[in-house]
Amino acid sequence: MFYVYVLKSPVTDGIYVGYSSDLKRRIQEHQSHPMHRGWKLVYYEAYLDEHDARVRERKLKHYGASFGHLKARIKNSLTQAVERAG
């Protein structure tokens, strides 16, 4: 499986979009990095095909409308990531 995921900073409005073939390992790597320590996984999509996942990640990173639609769909999850940190 291949994953596109969204992390949310518990302190700021920061959001990170990434791609990985091993979601658990990648989240652990983020947690060990000083800039992403404490960030919460708020959303992920799973794909059987690597190309599909990479195309989706690219669209979320480079096309504002795609990411805007996703943010609207997961607005409660984004809000809860901040509330649970406080």
PDB file of N, CA and C in Angstrom:
ATOM      1  N   MET A   1       0.840  -1.182   0.000  1.00  0.00           N
ATOM      2  CA  MET A   1       0.000   0.000   0.000  1.00  0.00           C
ATOM      3  C   MET A   1       0.886   1.246   0.000  1.00  0.00           C
ATOM      4  N   PHE A   2       0.311   2.315  -0.520  1.00  0.00           N
ATOM      5  CA  PHE A   2       0.976   3.607  -0.566  1.00  0.00           C
ATOM      6  C   PHE A   2       0.016   4.634   0.027  1.00  0.00           C
ATOM      7  N   TYR A   3       0.560   5.555   0.799  1.00  0.00           N
ATOM      8  CA  TYR A   3      -0.274   6.459   1.581  1.00  0.00           C
ATOM      9  C   TYR A   3       0.046   7.918   1.306  1.00  0.00           C
ATOM     10  N   VAL A   4      -0.997   8.712   1.259  1.00  0.00           N
ATOM     11  CA  VAL A   4      -0.893  10.165   1.280  1.00  0.00           C
ATOM     12  C   VAL A   4      -1.498  10.570   2.617  1.00  0.00           C
ATOM     13  N   TYR A   5      -0.798  11.413   3.356  1.00  0.00           N
ATOM     14  CA  TYR A   5      -1.251  11.713   4.707  1.00  0.00           C
ATOM     15  C   TYR A   5      -1.149  13.204   5.002  1.00  0.00           C
ATOM     16  N   VAL A   6      -1.891  13.627   6.029  1.00  0.00           N
ATOM     17  CA  VAL A   6      -1.888  15.022   6.469  1.00  0.00           C
ATOM     18  C   VAL A   6      -1.578  15.050   7.960  1.00  0.00           C
ATOM     19  N   LEU A   7      -0.577  15.846   8.328  1.00  0.00           N
ATOM     20  CA  LEU A   7      -0.238  16.090   9.722  1.00  0.00           C
ATOM     21  C   LEU A   7      -0.622  17.516  10.071  1.00  0.00           C
ATOM     22  N   LYS A   8      -1.030  17.731  11.322  1.00  0.00           N
ATOM     23  CA  LYS A   8      -1.430  19.059  11.798  1.00  0.00           C
ATOM     24  C   LYS A   8      -0.638  19.392  13.040  1.00  0.00           C
ATOM     25  N   SER A   9      -0.110  20.602  13.073  1.00  0.00           N
ATOM     26  CA  SER A   9       0.590  21.081  14.256  1.00  0.00           C
ATOM     27  C   SER A   9      -0.412  21.330  15.372  1.00  0.00           C
ATOM     28  N   PRO A  10      -0.117  20.874  16.583  1.00  0.00           N
ATOM     29  CA  PRO A  10      -1.025  21.122  17.704  1.00  0.00           C
ATOM     30  C   PRO A  10      -0.932  22.555  18.226  1.00  0.00           C
ATOM     31  N   VAL A  11       0.053  23.304  17.778  1.00  0.00           N
ATOM     32  CA  VAL A  11       0.284  24.646  18.298  1.00  0.00           C
ATOM     33  C   VAL A  11      -0.075  25.737  17.283  1.00  0.00           C
ATOM     34  N   THR A  12       0.287  25.534  16.045  1.00  0.00           N
ATOM     35  CA  THR A  12       0.062  26.545  15.005  1.00  0.00           C
ATOM     36  C   THR A  12      -0.964  26.031  13.996  1.00  0.00           C
ATOM     37  N   ASP A  13      -1.150  26.793  12.943  1.00  0.00           N
ATOM     38  CA  ASP A  13      -2.024  26.361  11.854  1.00  0.00           C
ATOM     39  C   ASP A  13      -1.262  25.529  10.827  1.00  0.00           C
ATOM     40  N   GLY A  14      -0.053  25.098  11.162  1.00  0.00           N
ATOM     41  CA  GLY A  14       0.777  24.357  10.235  1.00  0.00           C
ATOM     42  C   GLY A  14       0.168  23.017   9.833  1.00  0.00           C
ATOM     43  N   ILE A  15       0.247  22.743   8.544  1.00  0.00           N
ATOM     44  CA  ILE A  15      -0.237  21.476   7.988  1.00  0.00           C
ATOM     45  C   ILE A  15       0.846  20.941   7.066  1.00  0.00           C
ATOM     46  N   TYR A  16       1.069  19.636   7.145  1.00  0.00           N
ATOM     47  CA  TYR A  16       2.067  18.982   6.310  1.00  0.00           C
ATOM     48  C   TYR A  16       1.388  17.864   5.535  1.00  0.00           C
ATOM     49  N   VAL A  17       1.639  17.810   4.230  1.00  0.00           N
ATOM     50  CA  VAL A  17       1.125  16.736   3.376  1.00  0.00           C
ATOM     51  C   VAL A  17       2.316  15.909   2.930  1.00  0.00           C
ATOM     52  N   GLY A  18       2.205  14.591   3.062  1.00  0.00           N
ATOM     53  CA  GLY A  18       3.300  13.715   2.682  1.00  0.00           C
ATOM     54  C   GLY A  18       2.827  12.437   2.027  1.00  0.00           C
ATOM     55  N   TYR A  19       3.799  11.642   1.602  1.00  0.00           N
ATOM     56  CA  TYR A  19       3.578  10.368   0.925  1.00  0.00           C
ATOM     57  C   TYR A  19       4.513   9.348   1.540  1.00  0.00           C
ATOM     58  N   SER A  20       4.058   8.098   1.661  1.00  0.00           N
ATOM     59  CA  SER A  20       4.924   7.038   2.169  1.00  0.00           C
ATOM     60  C   SER A  20       4.369   5.668   1.803  1.00  0.00           C
ATOM     61  N   SER A  21       5.257   4.713   1.707  1.00  0.00           N
ATOM     62  CA  SER A  21       4.827   3.326   1.514  1.00  0.00           C
ATOM     63  C   SER A  21       4.713   2.613   2.866  1.00  0.00           C
ATOM     64  N   ASP A  22       5.171   3.272   3.919  1.00  0.00           N
ATOM     65  CA  ASP A  22       5.090   2.720   5.281  1.00  0.00           C
ATOM     66  C   ASP A  22       4.649   3.847   6.219  1.00  0.00           C
ATOM     67  N   LEU A  23       3.358   3.982   6.394  1.00  0.00           N
ATOM     68  CA  LEU A  23       2.805   5.111   7.137  1.00  0.00           C
ATOM     69  C   LEU A  23       3.267   5.138   8.592  1.00  0.00           C
ATOM     70  N   LYS A  24       3.245   4.015   9.273  1.00  0.00           N
ATOM     71  CA  LYS A  24       3.660   3.984  10.683  1.00  0.00           C
ATOM     72  C   LYS A  24       5.110   4.438  10.848  1.00  0.00           C
ATOM     73  N   ARG A  25       5.993   3.916  10.018  1.00  0.00           N
ATOM     74  CA  ARG A  25       7.405   4.300  10.097  1.00  0.00           C
ATOM     75  C   ARG A  25       7.574   5.787   9.810  1.00  0.00           C
ATOM     76  N   ARG A  26       6.862   6.290   8.820  1.00  0.00           N
ATOM     77  CA  ARG A  26       7.005   7.695   8.439  1.00  0.00           C
ATOM     78  C   ARG A  26       6.510   8.627   9.545  1.00  0.00           C
ATOM     79  N   ILE A  27       5.421   8.265  10.199  1.00  0.00           N
ATOM     80  CA  ILE A  27       4.913   9.085  11.299  1.00  0.00           C
ATOM     81  C   ILE A  27       5.928   9.097  12.443  1.00  0.00           C
ATOM     82  N   GLN A  28       6.540   7.951  12.726  1.00  0.00           N
ATOM     83  CA  GLN A  28       7.574   7.885  13.763  1.00  0.00           C
ATOM     84  C   GLN A  28       8.764   8.773  13.396  1.00  0.00           C
ATOM     85  N   GLU A  29       9.129   8.791  12.121  1.00  0.00           N
ATOM     86  CA  GLU A  29      10.225   9.663  11.686  1.00  0.00           C
ATOM     87  C   GLU A  29       9.863  11.129  11.909  1.00  0.00           C
ATOM     88  N   HIS A  30       8.636  11.498  11.593  1.00  0.00           N
ATOM     89  CA  HIS A  30       8.201  12.874  11.840  1.00  0.00           C
ATOM     90  C   HIS A  30       8.281  13.199  13.330  1.00  0.00           C
ATOM     91  N   GLN A  31       7.838  12.282  14.168  1.00  0.00           N
ATOM     92  CA  GLN A  31       7.838  12.529  15.615  1.00  0.00           C
ATOM     93  C   GLN A  31       9.254  12.714  16.163  1.00  0.00           C
ATOM     94  N   SER A  32      10.239  12.117  15.524  1.00  0.00           N
ATOM     95  CA  SER A  32      11.613  12.256  15.999  1.00  0.00           C
ATOM     96  C   SER A  32      12.286  13.518  15.458  1.00  0.00           C
ATOM     97  N   HIS A  33      11.656  14.194  14.515  1.00  0.00           N
ATOM     98  CA  HIS A  33      12.214  15.417  13.941  1.00  0.00           C
ATOM     99  C   HIS A  33      11.739  16.615  14.775  1.00  0.00           C
ATOM    100  N   PRO A  34      12.649  17.485  15.193  1.00  0.00           N
ATOM    101  CA  PRO A  34      12.259  18.603  16.061  1.00  0.00           C
ATOM    102  C   PRO A  34      11.144  19.489  15.496  1.00  0.00           C
ATOM    103  N   MET A  35      11.099  19.671  14.201  1.00  0.00           N
ATOM    104  CA  MET A  35      10.078  20.564  13.625  1.00  0.00           C
ATOM    105  C   MET A  35       8.684  19.951  13.627  1.00  0.00           C
ATOM    106  N   HIS A  36       8.569  18.630  13.653  1.00  0.00           N
ATOM    107  CA  HIS A  36       7.256  17.978  13.576  1.00  0.00           C
ATOM    108  C   HIS A  36       6.904  17.196  14.833  1.00  0.00           C
ATOM    109  N   ARG A  37       7.687  17.315  15.882  1.00  0.00           N
ATOM    110  CA  ARG A  37       7.390  16.610  17.129  1.00  0.00           C
ATOM    111  C   ARG A  37       6.050  17.097  17.674  1.00  0.00           C
ATOM    112  N   GLY A  38       5.172  16.172  17.990  1.00  0.00           N
ATOM    113  CA  GLY A  38       3.865  16.524  18.531  1.00  0.00           C
ATOM    114  C   GLY A  38       2.787  16.726  17.484  1.00  0.00           C
ATOM    115  N   TRP A  39       3.167  16.735  16.211  1.00  0.00           N
ATOM    116  CA  TRP A  39       2.173  16.899  15.157  1.00  0.00           C
ATOM    117  C   TRP A  39       1.288  15.659  15.124  1.00  0.00           C
ATOM    118  N   LYS A  40       0.028  15.836  14.780  1.00  0.00           N
ATOM    119  CA  LYS A  40      -0.961  14.757  14.791  1.00  0.00           C
ATOM    120  C   LYS A  40      -1.336  14.331  13.373  1.00  0.00           C
ATOM    121  N   LEU A  41      -1.460  13.034  13.190  1.00  0.00           N
ATOM    122  CA  LEU A  41      -1.995  12.506  11.946  1.00  0.00           C
ATOM    123  C   LEU A  41      -3.498  12.759  11.975  1.00  0.00           C
ATOM    124  N   VAL A  42      -3.995  13.539  11.012  1.00  0.00           N
ATOM    125  CA  VAL A  42      -5.419  13.863  10.993  1.00  0.00           C
ATOM    126  C   VAL A  42      -6.149  13.226   9.818  1.00  0.00           C
ATOM    127  N   TYR A  43      -5.386  12.712   8.841  1.00  0.00           N
ATOM    128  CA  TYR A  43      -6.051  12.157   7.654  1.00  0.00           C
ATOM    129  C   TYR A  43      -5.044  11.357   6.847  1.00  0.00           C
ATOM    130  N   TYR A  44      -5.521  10.282   6.224  1.00  0.00           N
ATOM    131  CA  TYR A  44      -4.691   9.590   5.240  1.00  0.00           C
ATOM    132  C   TYR A  44      -5.572   8.907   4.206  1.00  0.00           C
ATOM    133  N   GLU A  45      -4.990   8.685   3.052  1.00  0.00           N
ATOM    134  CA  GLU A  45      -5.629   7.940   1.970  1.00  0.00           C
ATOM    135  C   GLU A  45      -4.691   6.804   1.603  1.00  0.00           C
ATOM    136  N   ALA A  46      -5.235   5.643   1.310  1.00  0.00           N
ATOM    137  CA  ALA A  46      -4.427   4.475   0.941  1.00  0.00           C
ATOM    138  C   ALA A  46      -4.664   4.145  -0.530  1.00  0.00           C
ATOM    139  N   TYR A  47      -3.587   3.806  -1.213  1.00  0.00           N
ATOM    140  CA  TYR A  47      -3.631   3.479  -2.633  1.00  0.00           C
ATOM    141  C   TYR A  47      -2.897   2.161  -2.880  1.00  0.00           C
ATOM    142  N   LEU A  48      -3.401   1.392  -3.812  1.00  0.00           N
ATOM    143  CA  LEU A  48      -2.698   0.177  -4.233  1.00  0.00           C
ATOM    144  C   LEU A  48      -1.558   0.510  -5.187  1.00  0.00           C
ATOM    145  N   ASP A  49      -1.716   1.591  -5.934  1.00  0.00           N
ATOM    146  CA  ASP A  49      -0.740   1.953  -6.949  1.00  0.00           C
ATOM    147  C   ASP A  49       0.091   3.158  -6.489  1.00  0.00           C
ATOM    148  N   GLU A  50       1.404   3.037  -6.552  1.00  0.00           N
ATOM    149  CA  GLU A  50       2.297   4.104  -6.108  1.00  0.00           C
ATOM    150  C   GLU A  50       2.110   5.378  -6.920  1.00  0.00           C
ATOM    151  N   HIS A  51       1.958   5.244  -8.217  1.00  0.00           N
ATOM    152  CA  HIS A  51       1.792   6.423  -9.069  1.00  0.00           C
ATOM    153  C   HIS A  51       0.550   7.226  -8.667  1.00  0.00           C
ATOM    154  N   ASP A  52      -0.545   6.533  -8.378  1.00  0.00           N
ATOM    155  CA  ASP A  52      -1.770   7.217  -7.953  1.00  0.00           C
ATOM    156  C   ASP A  52      -1.527   8.028  -6.684  1.00  0.00           C
ATOM    157  N   ALA A  53      -0.807   7.453  -5.735  1.00  0.00           N
ATOM    158  CA  ALA A  53      -0.530   8.147  -4.474  1.00  0.00           C
ATOM    159  C   ALA A  53       0.356   9.369  -4.707  1.00  0.00           C
ATOM    160  N   ARG A  54       1.364   9.223  -5.531  1.00  0.00           N
ATOM    161  CA  ARG A  54       2.265  10.353  -5.804  1.00  0.00           C
ATOM    162  C   ARG A  54       1.555  11.485  -6.539  1.00  0.00           C
ATOM    163  N   VAL A  55       0.674  11.134  -7.463  1.00  0.00           N
ATOM    164  CA  VAL A  55      -0.096  12.154  -8.181  1.00  0.00           C
ATOM    165  C   VAL A  55      -1.005  12.897  -7.208  1.00  0.00           C
ATOM    166  N   ARG A  56      -1.658  12.176  -6.312  1.00  0.00           N
ATOM    167  CA  ARG A  56      -2.541  12.800  -5.331  1.00  0.00           C
ATOM    168  C   ARG A  56      -1.766  13.728  -4.402  1.00  0.00           C
ATOM    169  N   GLU A  57      -0.605  13.276  -3.918  1.00  0.00           N
ATOM    170  CA  GLU A  57       0.214  14.130  -3.053  1.00  0.00           C
ATOM    171  C   GLU A  57       0.602  15.408  -3.787  1.00  0.00           C
ATOM    172  N   ARG A  58       1.036  15.283  -5.022  1.00  0.00           N
ATOM    173  CA  ARG A  58       1.442  16.433  -5.818  1.00  0.00           C
ATOM    174  C   ARG A  58       0.282  17.417  -5.980  1.00  0.00           C
ATOM    175  N   LYS A  59      -0.909  16.893  -6.249  1.00  0.00           N
ATOM    176  CA  LYS A  59      -2.070  17.777  -6.406  1.00  0.00           C
ATOM    177  C   LYS A  59      -2.377  18.517  -5.110  1.00  0.00           C
ATOM    178  N   LEU A  60      -2.299  17.828  -3.987  1.00  0.00           N
ATOM    179  CA  LEU A  60      -2.575  18.481  -2.714  1.00  0.00           C
ATOM    180  C   LEU A  60      -1.532  19.549  -2.387  1.00  0.00           C
ATOM    181  N   LYS A  61      -0.282  19.308  -2.776  1.00  0.00           N
ATOM    182  CA  LYS A  61       0.781  20.256  -2.473  1.00  0.00           C
ATOM    183  C   LYS A  61       0.811  21.449  -3.419  1.00  0.00           C
ATOM    184  N   HIS A  62       0.409  21.244  -4.670  1.00  0.00           N
ATOM    185  CA  HIS A  62       0.620  22.279  -5.671  1.00  0.00           C
ATOM    186  C   HIS A  62      -0.636  22.922  -6.227  1.00  0.00           C
ATOM    187  N   TYR A  63      -1.777  22.386  -5.911  1.00  0.00           N
ATOM    188  CA  TYR A  63      -3.019  22.960  -6.428  1.00  0.00           C
ATOM    189  C   TYR A  63      -3.906  23.327  -5.247  1.00  0.00           C
ATOM    190  N   GLY A  64      -4.045  24.627  -5.022  1.00  0.00           N
ATOM    191  CA  GLY A  64      -4.782  25.117  -3.864  1.00  0.00           C
ATOM    192  C   GLY A  64      -6.205  24.613  -3.766  1.00  0.00           C
ATOM    193  N   ALA A  65      -6.872  24.468  -4.907  1.00  0.00           N
ATOM    194  CA  ALA A  65      -8.270  24.027  -4.877  1.00  0.00           C
ATOM    195  C   ALA A  65      -8.386  22.608  -4.326  1.00  0.00           C
ATOM    196  N   SER A  66      -7.491  21.723  -4.717  1.00  0.00           N
ATOM    197  CA  SER A  66      -7.534  20.346  -4.225  1.00  0.00           C
ATOM    198  C   SER A  66      -7.374  20.309  -2.713  1.00  0.00           C
ATOM    199  N   PHE A  67      -6.403  21.058  -2.210  1.00  0.00           N
ATOM    200  CA  PHE A  67      -6.167  21.065  -0.775  1.00  0.00           C
ATOM    201  C   PHE A  67      -7.292  21.784  -0.041  1.00  0.00           C
ATOM    202  N   GLY A  68      -7.831  22.820  -0.646  1.00  0.00           N
ATOM    203  CA  GLY A  68      -8.959  23.529  -0.036  1.00  0.00           C
ATOM    204  C   GLY A  68     -10.171  22.631   0.132  1.00  0.00           C
ATOM    205  N   HIS A  69     -10.450  21.818  -0.871  1.00  0.00           N
ATOM    206  CA  HIS A  69     -11.566  20.876  -0.777  1.00  0.00           C
ATOM    207  C   HIS A  69     -11.323  19.848   0.331  1.00  0.00           C
ATOM    208  N   LEU A  70     -10.106  19.351   0.415  1.00  0.00           N
ATOM    209  CA  LEU A  70      -9.787  18.382   1.471  1.00  0.00           C
ATOM    210  C   LEU A  70      -9.921  19.028   2.844  1.00  0.00           C
ATOM    211  N   LYS A  71      -9.394  20.237   3.019  1.00  0.00           N
ATOM    212  CA  LYS A  71      -9.499  20.919   4.306  1.00  0.00           C
ATOM    213  C   LYS A  71     -10.956  21.115   4.713  1.00  0.00           C
ATOM    214  N   ALA A  72     -11.808  21.412   3.757  1.00  0.00           N
ATOM    215  CA  ALA A  72     -13.235  21.577   4.061  1.00  0.00           C
ATOM    216  C   ALA A  72     -13.839  20.249   4.526  1.00  0.00           C
ATOM    217  N   ARG A  73     -13.422  19.140   3.899  1.00  0.00           N
ATOM    218  CA  ARG A  73     -13.947  17.819   4.270  1.00  0.00           C
ATOM    219  C   ARG A  73     -13.484  17.371   5.646  1.00  0.00           C
ATOM    220  N   ILE A  74     -12.286  17.770   6.050  1.00  0.00           N
ATOM    221  CA  ILE A  74     -11.731  17.282   7.322  1.00  0.00           C
ATOM    222  C   ILE A  74     -11.605  18.399   8.355  1.00  0.00           C
ATOM    223  N   LYS A  75     -12.401  19.447   8.238  1.00  0.00           N
ATOM    224  CA  LYS A  75     -12.258  20.603   9.129  1.00  0.00           C
ATOM    225  C   LYS A  75     -12.391  20.232  10.598  1.00  0.00           C
ATOM    226  N   ASN A  76     -13.273  19.302  10.943  1.00  0.00           N
ATOM    227  CA  ASN A  76     -13.420  18.902  12.351  1.00  0.00           C
ATOM    228  C   ASN A  76     -12.177  18.173  12.852  1.00  0.00           C
ATOM    229  N   SER A  77     -11.592  17.345  12.028  1.00  0.00           N
ATOM    230  CA  SER A  77     -10.356  16.647  12.418  1.00  0.00           C
ATOM    231  C   SER A  77      -9.222  17.637  12.625  1.00  0.00           C
ATOM    232  N   LEU A  78      -9.144  18.640  11.768  1.00  0.00           N
ATOM    233  CA  LEU A  78      -8.099  19.654  11.918  1.00  0.00           C
ATOM    234  C   LEU A  78      -8.293  20.431  13.212  1.00  0.00           C
ATOM    235  N   THR A  79      -9.520  20.744  13.549  1.00  0.00           N
ATOM    236  CA  THR A  79      -9.826  21.472  14.782  1.00  0.00           C
ATOM    237  C   THR A  79      -9.502  20.633  16.009  1.00  0.00           C
ATOM    238  N   GLN A  80      -9.852  19.362  15.983  1.00  0.00           N
ATOM    239  CA  GLN A  80      -9.615  18.483  17.135  1.00  0.00           C
ATOM    240  C   GLN A  80      -8.132  18.300  17.404  1.00  0.00           C
ATOM    241  N   ALA A  81      -7.292  18.332  16.370  1.00  0.00           N
ATOM    242  CA  ALA A  81      -5.853  18.176  16.561  1.00  0.00           C
ATOM    243  C   ALA A  81      -5.308  19.304  17.435  1.00  0.00           C
ATOM    244  N   VAL A  82      -5.861  20.493  17.284  1.00  0.00           N
ATOM    245  CA  VAL A  82      -5.438  21.632  18.082  1.00  0.00           C
ATOM    246  C   VAL A  82      -6.038  21.555  19.480  1.00  0.00           C
ATOM    247  N   GLU A  83      -7.311  21.218  19.584  1.00  0.00           N
ATOM    248  CA  GLU A  83      -7.986  21.163  20.887  1.00  0.00           C
ATOM    249  C   GLU A  83      -7.372  20.106  21.802  1.00  0.00           C
ATOM    250  N   ARG A  84      -7.020  18.967  21.275  1.00  0.00           N
ATOM    251  CA  ARG A  84      -6.459  17.883  22.098  1.00  0.00           C
ATOM    252  C   ARG A  84      -5.071  18.189  22.596  1.00  0.00           C
ATOM    253  N   ALA A  85      -4.371  19.063  21.876  1.00  0.00           N
ATOM    254  CA  ALA A  85      -3.027  19.429  22.309  1.00  0.00           C
ATOM    255  C   ALA A  85      -3.057  20.394  23.490  1.00  0.00           C
ATOM    256  N   GLY A  86      -4.138  21.169  23.592  1.00  0.00           N
ATOM    257  CA  GLY A  86      -4.223  22.206  24.634  1.00  0.00           C
ATOM    258  C   GLY A  86      -4.638  21.676  25.907  1.00  0.00           C
TER     259      GLY A  86
END
